[in-house]
């Protein structure tokens, strides 16, 4: 069992219809048929959405995504229509709400990997492949790959795992032409993000994107992009293959939950406990640091 420890009640806003509660985001539809996407401060780990929030996390994710959309505009269009707060929306939505195009979302997590770690490392250790793609011998945790690879996954419901799938399976689900577009766009966006991050002393190890189709079937990138929630960012000056890398994400949360201090048994069906203040502060600081290093601006 997993999912929400305490599932939130969505805020009701005149003129908006609530559509979905995700791990982090609430989705609404306005009277024009556009989506309104609101990033909360929720945080998840081990397929649980935790009862403790990380202050400012939703705003950081939203503002960082907007910054990246600007850096990627020549590669692929994005779903953002407006950053203006909808009428009657609560003041707390400022900086975390986006009005977006309503797309036909594709049922694929588009993952690009430039380094070997996570589920890719697990598969590699067993078969020397990742999503069926053969890789050379001798790679270890944190190794840079000879070239970035497209390793798609299924989209899972809250509380369930995404599962890696082959490119052939993606082509079967969405068609050969769309699959080829997804692979090309994913690798192009990853490569741009990798190069920009590298100039700022950060390694973009891997990342995932979501894409949808407009009415004319053109591909549009949606949701968040190149944030600490959707990417593995490592400080370049601490990169050392052969071990787990320090990262700009929720590693403090994972480490505390699996420590004796938390008292939580991950293998049990019991939900995880609230996070202590020092873990919340350390995690927030990592999100802020990632934002500031990538954008070159001070978070305020």
Protein backbone atom coordinates (compact mmCIF):
# COMPACT_ATOMS: atom_id res chain seq x y z
CA UNK A 1 0.00 0.00 0.00
CA UNK A 2 1.21 3.52 -0.81
CA UNK A 3 -0.06 6.84 -2.11
CA UNK A 4 -1.12 9.84 -0.05
CA UNK A 5 -0.52 9.71 3.69
CA UNK A 6 -3.17 12.42 3.94
CA UNK A 7 -4.90 13.18 0.64
CA UNK A 8 -5.61 16.91 0.45
CA UNK A 9 -8.99 18.37 -0.31
CA UNK A 10 -8.70 20.55 -3.42
CA UNK A 11 -9.46 24.23 -3.10
CA UNK A 12 -12.69 25.16 -4.86
CA UNK A 13 -12.35 28.30 -6.99
CA UNK A 14 -15.27 30.01 -8.79
CA UNK A 15 -14.87 29.65 -12.55
CA UNK A 16 -12.55 26.64 -12.26
CA UNK A 17 -13.41 22.93 -12.29
CA UNK A 18 -11.05 20.67 -10.37
CA UNK A 19 -9.87 17.77 -12.54
CA UNK A 20 -7.11 15.90 -10.74
CA UNK A 21 -4.91 15.76 -7.65
CA UNK A 22 -1.38 14.58 -8.45
CA UNK A 23 1.64 13.97 -6.24
CA UNK A 24 2.57 17.64 -6.40
CA UNK A 25 0.13 19.40 -8.73
CA UNK A 26 -3.57 20.20 -8.73
CA UNK A 27 -5.19 20.45 -12.17
CA UNK A 28 -8.20 22.62 -12.94
CA UNK A 29 -10.02 23.68 -16.10
CA UNK A 30 -11.15 27.24 -16.69
CA UNK A 31 -14.24 28.36 -18.58
CA UNK A 32 -12.24 28.72 -21.81
CA UNK A 33 -11.22 25.05 -21.62
CA UNK A 34 -7.61 25.77 -20.70
CA UNK A 35 -5.82 23.90 -17.91
CA UNK A 36 -4.78 25.66 -14.73
CA UNK A 37 -1.86 23.82 -13.13
CA UNK A 38 -1.00 24.63 -9.51
CA UNK A 39 2.22 23.30 -7.96
CA UNK A 40 1.86 22.58 -4.25
CA UNK A 41 4.65 22.22 -1.68
CA UNK A 42 3.99 18.49 -1.35
CA UNK A 43 6.89 16.06 -1.56
CA UNK A 44 6.92 12.34 -2.28
CA UNK A 45 9.35 9.53 -1.53
CA UNK A 46 9.19 5.78 -2.01
CA UNK A 47 5.80 6.12 -3.74
CA UNK A 48 4.29 7.95 -0.76
CA UNK A 49 3.16 11.57 -0.78
CA UNK A 50 4.36 12.67 2.65
CA UNK A 51 2.30 14.53 5.26
CA UNK A 52 4.98 17.27 5.58
CA UNK A 53 5.41 20.00 2.97
CA UNK A 54 8.59 21.80 1.89
CA UNK A 55 7.99 25.57 1.99
CA UNK A 56 8.30 27.32 -1.41
CA UNK A 57 8.89 24.04 -3.26
CA UNK A 58 5.96 24.52 -5.64
CA UNK A 59 7.01 28.05 -6.53
CA UNK A 60 10.61 26.99 -7.09
CA UNK A 61 9.52 24.18 -9.43
CA UNK A 62 7.19 26.52 -11.34
CA UNK A 63 9.67 29.38 -11.71
CA UNK A 64 12.52 27.05 -12.67
CA UNK A 65 10.34 25.37 -15.31
CA UNK A 66 9.46 28.78 -16.75
CA UNK A 67 13.15 29.68 -16.92
CA UNK A 68 13.93 26.43 -18.73
CA UNK A 69 11.01 26.85 -21.15
CA UNK A 70 12.69 30.07 -22.27
CA UNK A 71 16.01 28.27 -22.80
CA UNK A 72 14.32 25.55 -24.86
CA UNK A 73 11.90 27.61 -26.92
CA UNK A 74 13.75 27.04 -30.20
CA UNK A 75 13.73 23.25 -29.72
CA UNK A 76 10.13 22.47 -28.82
CA UNK A 77 7.01 24.54 -27.99
CA UNK A 78 5.67 24.37 -24.43
CA UNK A 79 2.19 24.37 -22.95
CA UNK A 80 2.25 27.70 -21.05
CA UNK A 81 -0.37 30.26 -22.08
CA UNK A 82 -0.20 32.67 -19.13
CA UNK A 83 1.34 33.17 -15.71
CA UNK A 84 -1.45 35.51 -14.60
CA UNK A 85 -3.38 34.42 -11.54
CA UNK A 86 -6.95 33.36 -12.43
CA UNK A 87 -9.70 35.58 -11.08
CA UNK A 88 -10.87 34.50 -7.60
CA UNK A 89 -7.80 32.28 -7.12
CA UNK A 90 -6.26 32.37 -3.62
CA UNK A 91 -3.25 34.65 -3.15
CA UNK A 92 -1.12 31.63 -2.25
CA UNK A 93 -1.32 30.49 -5.89
CA UNK A 94 0.86 33.42 -6.97
CA UNK A 95 4.07 32.12 -8.53
CA UNK A 96 2.86 28.52 -8.53
CA UNK A 97 -0.10 28.61 -10.96
CA UNK A 98 0.15 28.39 -14.75
CA UNK A 99 -2.59 28.60 -17.36
CA UNK A 100 -1.73 25.98 -19.96
CA UNK A 101 -2.89 24.53 -23.25
CA UNK A 102 -5.20 21.55 -22.98
CA UNK A 103 -3.32 18.81 -24.81
CA UNK A 104 -3.82 15.16 -25.68
CA UNK A 105 -1.18 13.86 -23.30
CA UNK A 106 0.90 10.91 -24.45
CA UNK A 107 1.05 7.92 -22.07
CA UNK A 108 4.86 7.88 -21.87
CA UNK A 109 7.43 9.20 -19.41
CA UNK A 110 10.17 10.37 -21.78
CA UNK A 111 13.41 9.71 -19.93
CA UNK A 112 16.86 10.71 -21.12
CA UNK A 113 19.98 9.40 -19.42
CA UNK A 114 23.50 10.68 -19.82
CA UNK A 115 24.85 8.86 -16.76
CA UNK A 116 24.18 5.44 -15.28
CA UNK A 117 22.33 5.30 -11.97
CA UNK A 118 18.96 4.43 -10.43
CA UNK A 119 16.78 1.86 -12.19
CA UNK A 120 19.07 2.01 -15.21
CA UNK A 121 21.98 0.79 -13.08
CA UNK A 122 19.89 -2.07 -11.69
CA UNK A 123 19.04 -3.29 -15.20
CA UNK A 124 22.60 -2.77 -16.43
CA UNK A 125 24.04 -4.85 -13.60
CA UNK A 126 21.74 -7.72 -14.61
CA UNK A 127 21.83 -7.59 -18.41
CA UNK A 128 24.31 -4.88 -19.55
CA UNK A 129 21.32 -3.09 -21.10
CA UNK A 130 18.96 -0.23 -20.20
CA UNK A 131 15.48 -0.47 -21.73
CA UNK A 132 16.93 -3.02 -24.13
CA UNK A 133 19.78 -0.75 -25.27
CA UNK A 134 23.17 -2.48 -25.04
CA UNK A 135 25.84 -0.62 -23.08
CA UNK A 136 29.59 -1.31 -22.80
CA UNK A 137 31.16 -3.38 -20.03
CA UNK A 138 32.78 -1.77 -17.02
CA UNK A 139 30.24 0.92 -16.17
CA UNK A 140 29.52 1.68 -12.49
CA UNK A 141 27.13 3.87 -10.51
CA UNK A 142 27.60 7.41 -11.83
CA UNK A 143 29.47 6.50 -15.03
CA UNK A 144 28.96 8.84 -17.97
CA UNK A 145 27.43 7.00 -20.92
CA UNK A 146 29.10 7.06 -24.35
CA UNK A 147 26.12 9.13 -25.56
CA UNK A 148 22.74 10.08 -24.04
CA UNK A 149 20.04 7.43 -24.42
CA UNK A 150 16.24 7.52 -24.58
CA UNK A 151 14.82 5.15 -21.97
CA UNK A 152 11.04 5.60 -21.79
CA UNK A 153 8.75 4.46 -18.99
CA UNK A 154 5.05 4.00 -18.41
CA UNK A 155 3.14 6.65 -16.47
CA UNK A 156 2.04 5.29 -13.11
CA UNK A 157 -0.79 6.34 -10.84
CA UNK A 158 0.00 7.99 -7.50
CA UNK A 159 1.48 5.32 -5.22
CA UNK A 160 2.69 3.07 -8.04
CA UNK A 161 6.03 2.69 -9.83
CA UNK A 162 6.77 3.88 -13.34
CA UNK A 163 8.08 0.90 -15.32
CA UNK A 164 10.81 1.11 -17.96
CA UNK A 165 9.71 -0.03 -21.41
CA UNK A 166 11.43 -0.50 -24.75
CA UNK A 167 11.32 1.99 -27.61
CA UNK A 168 9.41 -0.63 -29.60
CA UNK A 169 6.69 -0.65 -26.93
CA UNK A 170 6.40 3.14 -27.17
CA UNK A 171 6.06 2.88 -30.96
CA UNK A 172 3.34 0.26 -30.48
CA UNK A 173 1.42 2.55 -28.09
CA UNK A 174 1.69 5.90 -29.88
CA UNK A 175 2.76 5.03 -33.43
CA UNK A 176 6.16 4.94 -35.08
CA UNK A 177 6.17 8.58 -36.21
CA UNK A 178 5.20 9.96 -32.80
CA UNK A 179 7.68 7.66 -31.04
CA UNK A 180 10.47 8.96 -33.28
CA UNK A 181 9.46 12.56 -32.51
CA UNK A 182 9.43 11.81 -28.78
CA UNK A 183 12.91 10.31 -28.88
CA UNK A 184 14.33 13.17 -30.95
CA UNK A 185 12.77 15.89 -28.78
CA UNK A 186 13.73 14.18 -25.52
CA UNK A 187 17.39 13.83 -26.47
CA UNK A 188 17.55 17.36 -27.91
CA UNK A 189 16.10 18.92 -24.76
CA UNK A 190 18.30 16.78 -22.52
CA UNK A 191 21.42 17.77 -24.46
CA UNK A 192 20.57 21.49 -24.23
CA UNK A 193 19.86 21.16 -20.51
CA UNK A 194 23.04 19.16 -19.92
CA UNK A 195 25.19 21.79 -21.61
CA UNK A 196 23.59 24.71 -19.77
CA UNK A 197 23.84 22.93 -16.41
CA UNK A 198 27.47 21.94 -17.08
CA UNK A 199 28.38 25.61 -17.60
CA UNK A 200 27.01 26.24 -14.09
CA UNK A 201 28.96 23.42 -12.44
CA UNK A 202 26.08 20.94 -12.38
CA UNK A 203 25.81 17.51 -13.99
CA UNK A 204 22.38 16.62 -15.42
CA UNK A 205 22.54 12.86 -14.94
CA UNK A 206 19.06 12.05 -16.21
CA UNK A 207 15.65 13.64 -16.54
CA UNK A 208 12.09 12.91 -17.60
CA UNK A 209 9.66 14.89 -19.71
CA UNK A 210 5.98 14.70 -20.59
CA UNK A 211 4.65 15.60 -24.01
CA UNK A 212 1.22 16.14 -25.47
CA UNK A 213 -0.27 16.78 -28.89
CA UNK A 214 -2.15 19.86 -30.04
CA UNK A 215 -5.12 19.59 -32.38
CA UNK A 216 -2.79 19.69 -35.38
CA UNK A 217 -0.82 16.78 -33.86
CA UNK A 218 2.28 18.90 -33.22
CA UNK A 219 4.36 17.90 -30.21
CA UNK A 220 4.33 20.15 -27.12
CA UNK A 221 6.34 19.75 -23.92
CA UNK A 222 4.18 19.96 -20.79
CA UNK A 223 4.14 19.75 -17.00
CA UNK A 224 7.52 20.62 -15.43
CA UNK A 225 10.92 20.54 -17.10
CA UNK A 226 14.46 20.08 -15.76
CA UNK A 227 13.58 20.59 -12.09
CA UNK A 228 14.99 18.74 -9.06
CA UNK A 229 11.73 16.75 -8.96
CA UNK A 230 12.06 15.52 -12.55
CA UNK A 231 15.85 15.33 -12.87
CA UNK A 232 18.99 14.13 -11.16
CA UNK A 233 21.34 17.09 -10.71
CA UNK A 234 24.79 16.43 -9.26
CA UNK A 235 27.45 18.97 -8.24
CA UNK A 236 30.15 18.50 -10.89
CA UNK A 237 33.03 19.09 -8.48
CA UNK A 238 31.90 16.14 -6.32
CA UNK A 239 31.23 13.66 -9.14
CA UNK A 240 32.95 10.35 -8.43
CA UNK A 241 31.82 7.25 -10.37
CA UNK A 242 31.53 4.09 -8.34
CA UNK A 243 29.34 5.48 -5.57
CA UNK A 244 26.04 7.26 -5.05
CA UNK A 245 26.44 10.94 -5.95
CA UNK A 246 25.35 13.89 -3.79
CA UNK A 247 22.38 15.51 -5.50
CA UNK A 248 20.09 18.53 -5.62
CA UNK A 249 16.86 16.82 -4.72
CA UNK A 250 14.99 15.09 -1.91
CA UNK A 251 17.87 12.81 -0.88
CA UNK A 252 17.74 14.22 2.66
CA UNK A 253 14.13 13.01 2.84
CA UNK A 254 14.96 9.52 1.54
CA UNK A 255 17.97 9.20 3.86
CA UNK A 256 15.99 10.19 6.94
CA UNK A 257 13.04 7.93 6.13
CA UNK A 258 15.34 4.91 5.79
CA UNK A 259 17.34 5.77 8.93
CA UNK A 260 16.69 4.28 12.39
CA UNK A 261 15.73 7.79 13.57
CA UNK A 262 12.49 7.76 11.55
CA UNK A 263 11.35 4.44 12.98
CA UNK A 264 9.69 3.64 9.65
CA UNK A 265 9.88 0.25 7.98
CA UNK A 266 9.76 0.82 4.23
CA UNK A 267 8.71 -2.81 3.69
CA UNK A 268 5.65 -2.42 5.90
CA UNK A 269 2.27 -1.14 4.79
CA UNK A 270 2.42 1.67 7.34
CA UNK A 271 2.64 5.24 5.99
CA UNK A 272 5.85 7.19 6.67
CA UNK A 273 5.96 9.67 9.57
CA UNK A 274 6.11 13.48 9.37
CA UNK A 275 9.51 14.96 8.57
CA UNK A 276 11.52 16.75 11.27
CA UNK A 277 12.21 20.45 10.82
CA UNK A 278 15.92 20.00 10.08
CA UNK A 279 15.14 17.66 7.16
CA UNK A 280 12.56 20.12 5.81
CA UNK A 281 15.05 23.02 6.01
CA UNK A 282 17.90 21.04 4.42
CA UNK A 283 15.65 19.87 1.58
CA UNK A 284 14.33 23.37 0.91
CA UNK A 285 17.91 24.67 0.84
CA UNK A 286 18.82 22.13 -1.86
CA UNK A 287 15.89 23.21 -4.06
CA UNK A 288 16.84 26.87 -3.61
CA UNK A 289 20.50 26.16 -4.38
CA UNK A 290 19.60 24.30 -7.57
CA UNK A 291 17.39 27.21 -8.68
CA UNK A 292 20.03 29.82 -7.96
CA UNK A 293 22.93 27.97 -9.54
CA UNK A 294 21.01 27.14 -12.70
CA UNK A 295 19.32 30.50 -13.27
CA UNK A 296 22.06 32.72 -11.86
CA UNK A 297 19.47 34.65 -9.85
CA UNK A 298 18.74 34.84 -6.12
CA UNK A 299 15.58 33.15 -4.87
CA UNK A 300 13.30 35.49 -2.99
